[in-house]
Amino acid sequence: MIQDEVRNKAKNFLQKQLNAKGQEKEWGFELSDPHRDTRHPSEWNVQVRLLSLDGGAFDTEPIIVIVEELTGNVYFYERTY
């Protein structure tokens, strides 16, 4: 999988999440460049920055979307601390 494919999977996942909650018109987002997880090389991490519709960024903890290269699964990273 190349970075563009990973970014597109993450983008589609986020759009589906927003659409499912009826919030597609309330929020925007910006994606970082995907990078491989150092502990799990088959996983790509994409950091998400939430934006208001006027383009201003929200000051929140980083949101990370995981894209599994082997299975194609996409999900939010959940901290366990």
PDB file of N, CA and C in Angstrom:
ATOM      1  N   MET A   1       0.849  -1.169   0.000  1.00  0.00           N
ATOM      2  CA  MET A   1       0.000   0.000   0.000  1.00  0.00           C
ATOM      3  C   MET A   1       0.903   1.242   0.000  1.00  0.00           C
ATOM      4  N   ILE A   2       0.549   2.222  -0.791  1.00  0.00           N
ATOM      5  CA  ILE A   2       1.328   3.460  -0.804  1.00  0.00           C
ATOM      6  C   ILE A   2       0.591   4.528   0.004  1.00  0.00           C
ATOM      7  N   GLN A   3       1.299   5.618   0.303  1.00  0.00           N
ATOM      8  CA  GLN A   3       0.727   6.656   1.170  1.00  0.00           C
ATOM      9  C   GLN A   3      -0.582   7.227   0.648  1.00  0.00           C
ATOM     10  N   ASP A   4      -0.710   7.408  -0.648  1.00  0.00           N
ATOM     11  CA  ASP A   4      -1.956   7.955  -1.206  1.00  0.00           C
ATOM     12  C   ASP A   4      -3.134   7.015  -0.949  1.00  0.00           C
ATOM     13  N   GLU A   5      -2.909   5.711  -1.080  1.00  0.00           N
ATOM     14  CA  GLU A   5      -3.973   4.735  -0.808  1.00  0.00           C
ATOM     15  C   GLU A   5      -4.378   4.775   0.667  1.00  0.00           C
ATOM     16  N   VAL A   6      -3.380   4.874   1.538  1.00  0.00           N
ATOM     17  CA  VAL A   6      -3.649   4.937   2.974  1.00  0.00           C
ATOM     18  C   VAL A   6      -4.436   6.194   3.304  1.00  0.00           C
ATOM     19  N   ARG A   7      -4.004   7.315   2.778  1.00  0.00           N
ATOM     20  CA  ARG A   7      -4.692   8.590   3.027  1.00  0.00           C
ATOM     21  C   ARG A   7      -6.147   8.528   2.540  1.00  0.00           C
ATOM     22  N   ASN A   8      -6.378   7.949   1.357  1.00  0.00           N
ATOM     23  CA  ASN A   8      -7.739   7.841   0.825  1.00  0.00           C
ATOM     24  C   ASN A   8      -8.615   6.949   1.698  1.00  0.00           C
ATOM     25  N   LYS A   9      -8.057   5.837   2.186  1.00  0.00           N
ATOM     26  CA  LYS A   9      -8.830   4.959   3.083  1.00  0.00           C
ATOM     27  C   LYS A   9      -9.201   5.695   4.364  1.00  0.00           C
ATOM     28  N   ALA A  10      -8.243   6.434   4.933  1.00  0.00           N
ATOM     29  CA  ALA A  10      -8.511   7.195   6.157  1.00  0.00           C
ATOM     30  C   ALA A  10      -9.554   8.274   5.902  1.00  0.00           C
ATOM     31  N   LYS A  11      -9.438   8.969   4.783  1.00  0.00           N
ATOM     32  CA  LYS A  11     -10.391  10.029   4.434  1.00  0.00           C
ATOM     33  C   LYS A  11     -11.797   9.464   4.272  1.00  0.00           C
ATOM     34  N   ASN A  12     -11.935   8.355   3.549  1.00  0.00           N
ATOM     35  CA  ASN A  12     -13.248   7.726   3.360  1.00  0.00           C
ATOM     36  C   ASN A  12     -13.839   7.263   4.680  1.00  0.00           C
ATOM     37  N   PHE A  13     -13.001   6.710   5.549  1.00  0.00           N
ATOM     38  CA  PHE A  13     -13.457   6.265   6.865  1.00  0.00           C
ATOM     39  C   PHE A  13     -14.005   7.444   7.664  1.00  0.00           C
ATOM     40  N   LEU A  14     -13.283   8.552   7.691  1.00  0.00           N
ATOM     41  CA  LEU A  14     -13.732   9.732   8.438  1.00  0.00           C
ATOM     42  C   LEU A  14     -15.019  10.309   7.862  1.00  0.00           C
ATOM     43  N   GLN A  15     -15.110  10.370   6.536  1.00  0.00           N
ATOM     44  CA  GLN A  15     -16.340  10.871   5.906  1.00  0.00           C
ATOM     45  C   GLN A  15     -17.539  10.006   6.283  1.00  0.00           C
ATOM     46  N   LYS A  16     -17.359   8.690   6.280  1.00  0.00           N
ATOM     47  CA  LYS A  16     -18.448   7.783   6.657  1.00  0.00           C
ATOM     48  C   LYS A  16     -18.849   7.996   8.109  1.00  0.00           C
ATOM     49  N   GLN A  17     -17.871   8.203   8.979  1.00  0.00           N
ATOM     50  CA  GLN A  17     -18.169   8.437  10.397  1.00  0.00           C
ATOM     51  C   GLN A  17     -18.980   9.718  10.569  1.00  0.00           C
ATOM     52  N   LEU A  18     -18.566  10.776   9.909  1.00  0.00           N
ATOM     53  CA  LEU A  18     -19.285  12.047  10.005  1.00  0.00           C
ATOM     54  C   LEU A  18     -20.676  11.942   9.394  1.00  0.00           C
ATOM     55  N   ASN A  19     -20.787  11.290   8.253  1.00  0.00           N
ATOM     56  CA  ASN A  19     -22.091  11.139   7.593  1.00  0.00           C
ATOM     57  C   ASN A  19     -23.049  10.316   8.449  1.00  0.00           C
ATOM     58  N   ALA A  20     -22.543   9.266   9.083  1.00  0.00           N
ATOM     59  CA  ALA A  20     -23.385   8.407   9.908  1.00  0.00           C
ATOM     60  C   ALA A  20     -23.959   9.172  11.101  1.00  0.00           C
ATOM     61  N   LYS A  21     -23.244  10.174  11.562  1.00  0.00           N
ATOM     62  CA  LYS A  21     -23.706  10.963  12.711  1.00  0.00           C
ATOM     63  C   LYS A  21     -24.393  12.245  12.284  1.00  0.00           C
ATOM     64  N   GLY A  22     -24.530  12.442  10.976  1.00  0.00           N
ATOM     65  CA  GLY A  22     -25.176  13.656  10.476  1.00  0.00           C
ATOM     66  C   GLY A  22     -24.354  14.908  10.717  1.00  0.00           C
ATOM     67  N   GLN A  23     -23.029  14.762  10.835  1.00  0.00           N
ATOM     68  CA  GLN A  23     -22.181  15.907  11.159  1.00  0.00           C
ATOM     69  C   GLN A  23     -21.276  16.327  10.006  1.00  0.00           C
ATOM     70  N   GLU A  24     -21.568  15.845   8.817  1.00  0.00           N
ATOM     71  CA  GLU A  24     -20.710  16.166   7.681  1.00  0.00           C
ATOM     72  C   GLU A  24     -20.685  17.653   7.359  1.00  0.00           C
ATOM     73  N   LYS A  25     -21.730  18.380   7.793  1.00  0.00           N
ATOM     74  CA  LYS A  25     -21.788  19.813   7.517  1.00  0.00           C
ATOM     75  C   LYS A  25     -21.294  20.642   8.702  1.00  0.00           C
ATOM     76  N   GLU A  26     -20.905  19.984   9.792  1.00  0.00           N
ATOM     77  CA  GLU A  26     -20.460  20.696  10.986  1.00  0.00           C
ATOM     78  C   GLU A  26     -18.951  20.668  11.172  1.00  0.00           C
ATOM     79  N   TRP A  27     -18.292  19.664  10.618  1.00  0.00           N
ATOM     80  CA  TRP A  27     -16.864  19.468  10.853  1.00  0.00           C
ATOM     81  C   TRP A  27     -16.123  19.251   9.552  1.00  0.00           C
ATOM     82  N   GLY A  28     -14.885  19.651   9.547  1.00  0.00           N
ATOM     83  CA  GLY A  28     -13.960  19.316   8.482  1.00  0.00           C
ATOM     84  C   GLY A  28     -12.743  18.669   9.125  1.00  0.00           C
ATOM     85  N   PHE A  29     -11.810  18.237   8.319  1.00  0.00           N
ATOM     86  CA  PHE A  29     -10.605  17.645   8.891  1.00  0.00           C
ATOM     87  C   PHE A  29      -9.448  17.768   7.916  1.00  0.00           C
ATOM     88  N   GLU A  30      -8.271  17.642   8.467  1.00  0.00           N
ATOM     89  CA  GLU A  30      -7.037  17.687   7.708  1.00  0.00           C
ATOM     90  C   GLU A  30      -6.220  16.467   8.127  1.00  0.00           C
ATOM     91  N   LEU A  31      -5.612  15.779   7.175  1.00  0.00           N
ATOM     92  CA  LEU A  31      -4.853  14.565   7.456  1.00  0.00           C
ATOM     93  C   LEU A  31      -3.356  14.811   7.328  1.00  0.00           C
ATOM     94  N   SER A  32      -2.593  14.212   8.229  1.00  0.00           N
ATOM     95  CA  SER A  32      -1.139  14.261   8.119  1.00  0.00           C
ATOM     96  C   SER A  32      -0.681  13.236   7.088  1.00  0.00           C
ATOM     97  N   ASP A  33       0.587  13.274   6.761  1.00  0.00           N
ATOM     98  CA  ASP A  33       1.142  12.231   5.907  1.00  0.00           C
ATOM     99  C   ASP A  33       1.138  10.917   6.677  1.00  0.00           C
ATOM    100  N   PRO A  34       0.665   9.839   6.077  1.00  0.00           N
ATOM    101  CA  PRO A  34       0.660   8.542   6.755  1.00  0.00           C
ATOM    102  C   PRO A  34       2.091   8.062   7.015  1.00  0.00           C
ATOM    103  N   HIS A  35       2.255   7.373   8.129  1.00  0.00           N
ATOM    104  CA  HIS A  35       3.546   6.739   8.400  1.00  0.00           C
ATOM    105  C   HIS A  35       3.307   5.380   9.038  1.00  0.00           C
ATOM    106  N   ARG A  36       4.250   4.479   8.831  1.00  0.00           N
ATOM    107  CA  ARG A  36       4.135   3.129   9.388  1.00  0.00           C
ATOM    108  C   ARG A  36       4.342   3.157  10.889  1.00  0.00           C
ATOM    109  N   ASP A  37       3.574   2.330  11.574  1.00  0.00           N
ATOM    110  CA  ASP A  37       3.734   2.171  13.016  1.00  0.00           C
ATOM    111  C   ASP A  37       5.036   1.414  13.277  1.00  0.00           C
ATOM    112  N   THR A  38       5.857   1.911  14.179  1.00  0.00           N
ATOM    113  CA  THR A  38       7.153   1.270  14.428  1.00  0.00           C
ATOM    114  C   THR A  38       7.020  -0.071  15.139  1.00  0.00           C
ATOM    115  N   ARG A  39       5.974  -0.244  15.920  1.00  0.00           N
ATOM    116  CA  ARG A  39       5.766  -1.520  16.625  1.00  0.00           C
ATOM    117  C   ARG A  39       4.983  -2.533  15.803  1.00  0.00           C
ATOM    118  N   HIS A  40       4.162  -2.024  14.899  1.00  0.00           N
ATOM    119  CA  HIS A  40       3.313  -2.882  14.061  1.00  0.00           C
ATOM    120  C   HIS A  40       3.497  -2.453  12.607  1.00  0.00           C
ATOM    121  N   PRO A  41       4.512  -2.984  11.934  1.00  0.00           N
ATOM    122  CA  PRO A  41       4.856  -2.517  10.582  1.00  0.00           C
ATOM    123  C   PRO A  41       3.751  -2.681   9.536  1.00  0.00           C
ATOM    124  N   SER A  42       2.751  -3.511   9.791  1.00  0.00           N
ATOM    125  CA  SER A  42       1.670  -3.664   8.814  1.00  0.00           C
ATOM    126  C   SER A  42       0.571  -2.617   9.021  1.00  0.00           C
ATOM    127  N   GLU A  43       0.756  -1.737  10.000  1.00  0.00           N
ATOM    128  CA  GLU A  43      -0.236  -0.690  10.272  1.00  0.00           C
ATOM    129  C   GLU A  43       0.322   0.680   9.886  1.00  0.00           C
ATOM    130  N   TRP A  44      -0.540   1.475   9.320  1.00  0.00           N
ATOM    131  CA  TRP A  44      -0.215   2.859   8.997  1.00  0.00           C
ATOM    132  C   TRP A  44      -0.969   3.759   9.972  1.00  0.00           C
ATOM    133  N   ASN A  45      -0.344   4.829  10.428  1.00  0.00           N
ATOM    134  CA  ASN A  45      -0.975   5.813  11.299  1.00  0.00           C
ATOM    135  C   ASN A  45      -1.181   7.106  10.521  1.00  0.00           C
ATOM    136  N   VAL A  46      -2.366   7.667  10.669  1.00  0.00           N
ATOM    137  CA  VAL A  46      -2.680   8.946  10.041  1.00  0.00           C
ATOM    138  C   VAL A  46      -3.260   9.839  11.136  1.00  0.00           C
ATOM    139  N   GLN A  47      -2.609  10.965  11.377  1.00  0.00           N
ATOM    140  CA  GLN A  47      -3.106  11.891  12.393  1.00  0.00           C
ATOM    141  C   GLN A  47      -4.125  12.818  11.768  1.00  0.00           C
ATOM    142  N   VAL A  48      -5.193  13.088  12.526  1.00  0.00           N
ATOM    143  CA  VAL A  48      -6.315  13.897  12.044  1.00  0.00           C
ATOM    144  C   VAL A  48      -6.405  15.175  12.860  1.00  0.00           C
ATOM    145  N   ARG A  49      -6.585  16.272  12.179  1.00  0.00           N
ATOM    146  CA  ARG A  49      -6.813  17.555  12.851  1.00  0.00           C
ATOM    147  C   ARG A  49      -8.226  18.007  12.500  1.00  0.00           C
ATOM    148  N   LEU A  50      -9.060  18.179  13.516  1.00  0.00           N
ATOM    149  CA  LEU A  50     -10.440  18.624  13.279  1.00  0.00           C
ATOM    150  C   LEU A  50     -10.476  20.104  12.976  1.00  0.00           C
ATOM    151  N   LEU A  51     -11.335  20.462  12.041  1.00  0.00           N
ATOM    152  CA  LEU A  51     -11.487  21.856  11.635  1.00  0.00           C
ATOM    153  C   LEU A  51     -12.951  22.259  11.714  1.00  0.00           C
ATOM    154  N   SER A  52     -13.173  23.502  12.086  1.00  0.00           N
ATOM    155  CA  SER A  52     -14.532  24.033  12.001  1.00  0.00           C
ATOM    156  C   SER A  52     -14.791  24.362  10.535  1.00  0.00           C
ATOM    157  N   LEU A  53     -16.016  24.648  10.207  1.00  0.00           N
ATOM    158  CA  LEU A  53     -16.334  24.911   8.805  1.00  0.00           C
ATOM    159  C   LEU A  53     -15.677  26.180   8.272  1.00  0.00           C
ATOM    160  N   ASP A  54     -15.294  27.087   9.176  1.00  0.00           N
ATOM    161  CA  ASP A  54     -14.589  28.280   8.711  1.00  0.00           C
ATOM    162  C   ASP A  54     -13.088  28.030   8.559  1.00  0.00           C
ATOM    163  N   GLY A  55     -12.649  26.790   8.822  1.00  0.00           N
ATOM    164  CA  GLY A  55     -11.253  26.415   8.613  1.00  0.00           C
ATOM    165  C   GLY A  55     -10.373  26.498   9.834  1.00  0.00           C
ATOM    166  N   GLY A  56     -10.913  26.962  10.961  1.00  0.00           N
ATOM    167  CA  GLY A  56     -10.122  27.052  12.184  1.00  0.00           C
ATOM    168  C   GLY A  56      -9.927  25.686  12.815  1.00  0.00           C
ATOM    169  N   ALA A  57      -8.733  25.444  13.314  1.00  0.00           N
ATOM    170  CA  ALA A  57      -8.420  24.150  13.937  1.00  0.00           C
ATOM    171  C   ALA A  57      -8.870  24.135  15.391  1.00  0.00           C
ATOM    172  N   PHE A  58      -9.334  22.968  15.845  1.00  0.00           N
ATOM    173  CA  PHE A  58      -9.701  22.787  17.238  1.00  0.00           C
ATOM    174  C   PHE A  58      -8.478  22.303  18.006  1.00  0.00           C
ATOM    175  N   ASP A  59      -8.315  22.802  19.222  1.00  0.00           N
ATOM    176  CA  ASP A  59      -7.196  22.387  20.063  1.00  0.00           C
ATOM    177  C   ASP A  59      -7.625  21.159  20.853  1.00  0.00           C
ATOM    178  N   THR A  60      -7.430  19.984  20.264  1.00  0.00           N
ATOM    179  CA  THR A  60      -7.818  18.729  20.896  1.00  0.00           C
ATOM    180  C   THR A  60      -6.626  17.782  20.919  1.00  0.00           C
ATOM    181  N   GLU A  61      -6.762  16.719  21.674  1.00  0.00           N
ATOM    182  CA  GLU A  61      -5.737  15.680  21.616  1.00  0.00           C
ATOM    183  C   GLU A  61      -5.720  15.119  20.202  1.00  0.00           C
ATOM    184  N   PRO A  62      -4.553  14.679  19.757  1.00  0.00           N
ATOM    185  CA  PRO A  62      -4.491  14.128  18.397  1.00  0.00           C
ATOM    186  C   PRO A  62      -5.436  12.937  18.221  1.00  0.00           C
ATOM    187  N   ILE A  63      -6.086  12.910  17.099  1.00  0.00           N
ATOM    188  CA  ILE A  63      -6.927  11.785  16.720  1.00  0.00           C
ATOM    189  C   ILE A  63      -6.115  10.996  15.703  1.00  0.00           C
ATOM    190  N   ILE A  64      -5.999   9.702  15.922  1.00  0.00           N
ATOM    191  CA  ILE A  64      -5.203   8.879  15.026  1.00  0.00           C
ATOM    192  C   ILE A  64      -6.088   7.799  14.416  1.00  0.00           C
ATOM    193  N   VAL A  65      -6.008   7.694  13.108  1.00  0.00           N
ATOM    194  CA  VAL A  65      -6.706   6.638  12.382  1.00  0.00           C
ATOM    195  C   VAL A  65      -5.664   5.600  11.989  1.00  0.00           C
ATOM    196  N   ILE A  66      -5.979   4.333  12.234  1.00  0.00           N
ATOM    197  CA  ILE A  66      -5.103   3.226  11.884  1.00  0.00           C
ATOM    198  C   ILE A  66      -5.642   2.562  10.617  1.00  0.00           C
ATOM    199  N   VAL A  67      -4.764   2.315   9.662  1.00  0.00           N
ATOM    200  CA  VAL A  67      -5.114   1.568   8.455  1.00  0.00           C
ATOM    201  C   VAL A  67      -4.235   0.319   8.441  1.00  0.00           C
ATOM    202  N   GLU A  68      -4.875  -0.838   8.519  1.00  0.00           N
ATOM    203  CA  GLU A  68      -4.134  -2.101   8.493  1.00  0.00           C
ATOM    204  C   GLU A  68      -3.889  -2.501   7.047  1.00  0.00           C
ATOM    205  N   GLU A  69      -2.631  -2.667   6.717  1.00  0.00           N
ATOM    206  CA  GLU A  69      -2.279  -2.979   5.338  1.00  0.00           C
ATOM    207  C   GLU A  69      -2.719  -4.382   4.931  1.00  0.00           C
ATOM    208  N   LEU A  70      -2.608  -5.349   5.824  1.00  0.00           N
ATOM    209  CA  LEU A  70      -2.906  -6.740   5.471  1.00  0.00           C
ATOM    210  C   LEU A  70      -4.393  -7.011   5.287  1.00  0.00           C
ATOM    211  N   THR A  71      -5.223  -6.382   6.127  1.00  0.00           N
ATOM    212  CA  THR A  71      -6.662  -6.652   6.079  1.00  0.00           C
ATOM    213  C   THR A  71      -7.474  -5.540   5.423  1.00  0.00           C
ATOM    214  N   GLY A  72      -6.895  -4.331   5.371  1.00  0.00           N
ATOM    215  CA  GLY A  72      -7.641  -3.194   4.840  1.00  0.00           C
ATOM    216  C   GLY A  72      -8.562  -2.559   5.875  1.00  0.00           C
ATOM    217  N   ASN A  73      -8.563  -3.072   7.112  1.00  0.00           N
ATOM    218  CA  ASN A  73      -9.403  -2.504   8.167  1.00  0.00           C
ATOM    219  C   ASN A  73      -8.926  -1.101   8.521  1.00  0.00           C
ATOM    220  N   VAL A  74      -9.892  -0.246   8.862  1.00  0.00           N
ATOM    221  CA  VAL A  74      -9.600   1.129   9.254  1.00  0.00           C
ATOM    222  C   VAL A  74     -10.369   1.401  10.535  1.00  0.00           C
ATOM    223  N   TYR A  75      -9.703   1.993  11.521  1.00  0.00           N
ATOM    224  CA  TYR A  75     -10.361   2.275  12.799  1.00  0.00           C
ATOM    225  C   TYR A  75      -9.611   3.370  13.540  1.00  0.00           C
ATOM    226  N   PHE A  76     -10.275   3.909  14.570  1.00  0.00           N
ATOM    227  CA  PHE A  76      -9.645   4.921  15.419  1.00  0.00           C
ATOM    228  C   PHE A  76      -8.726   4.230  16.413  1.00  0.00           C
ATOM    229  N   TYR A  77      -7.575   4.850  16.653  1.00  0.00           N
ATOM    230  CA  TYR A  77      -6.666   4.373  17.716  1.00  0.00           C
ATOM    231  C   TYR A  77      -7.279   4.749  19.043  1.00  0.00           C
ATOM    232  N   GLU A  78      -7.303   3.802  19.968  1.00  0.00           N
ATOM    233  CA  GLU A  78      -7.840   4.064  21.307  1.00  0.00           C
ATOM    234  C   GLU A  78      -6.721   3.953  22.319  1.00  0.00           C
ATOM    235  N   ARG A  79      -6.481   5.032  23.027  1.00  0.00           N
ATOM    236  CA  ARG A  79      -5.442   5.023  24.059  1.00  0.00           C
ATOM    237  C   ARG A  79      -5.890   4.164  25.234  1.00  0.00           C
ATOM    238  N   THR A  80      -4.936   3.457  25.810  1.00  0.00           N
ATOM    239  CA  THR A  80      -5.259   2.590  26.945  1.00  0.00           C
ATOM    240  C   THR A  80      -4.424   2.957  28.154  1.00  0.00           C
ATOM    241  N   TYR A  81      -4.305   4.237  28.433  1.00  0.00           N
ATOM    242  CA  TYR A  81      -3.531   4.653  29.606  1.00  0.00           C
ATOM    243  C   TYR A  81      -4.405   5.301  30.622  1.00  0.00           C
TER     244      TYR A  81
END
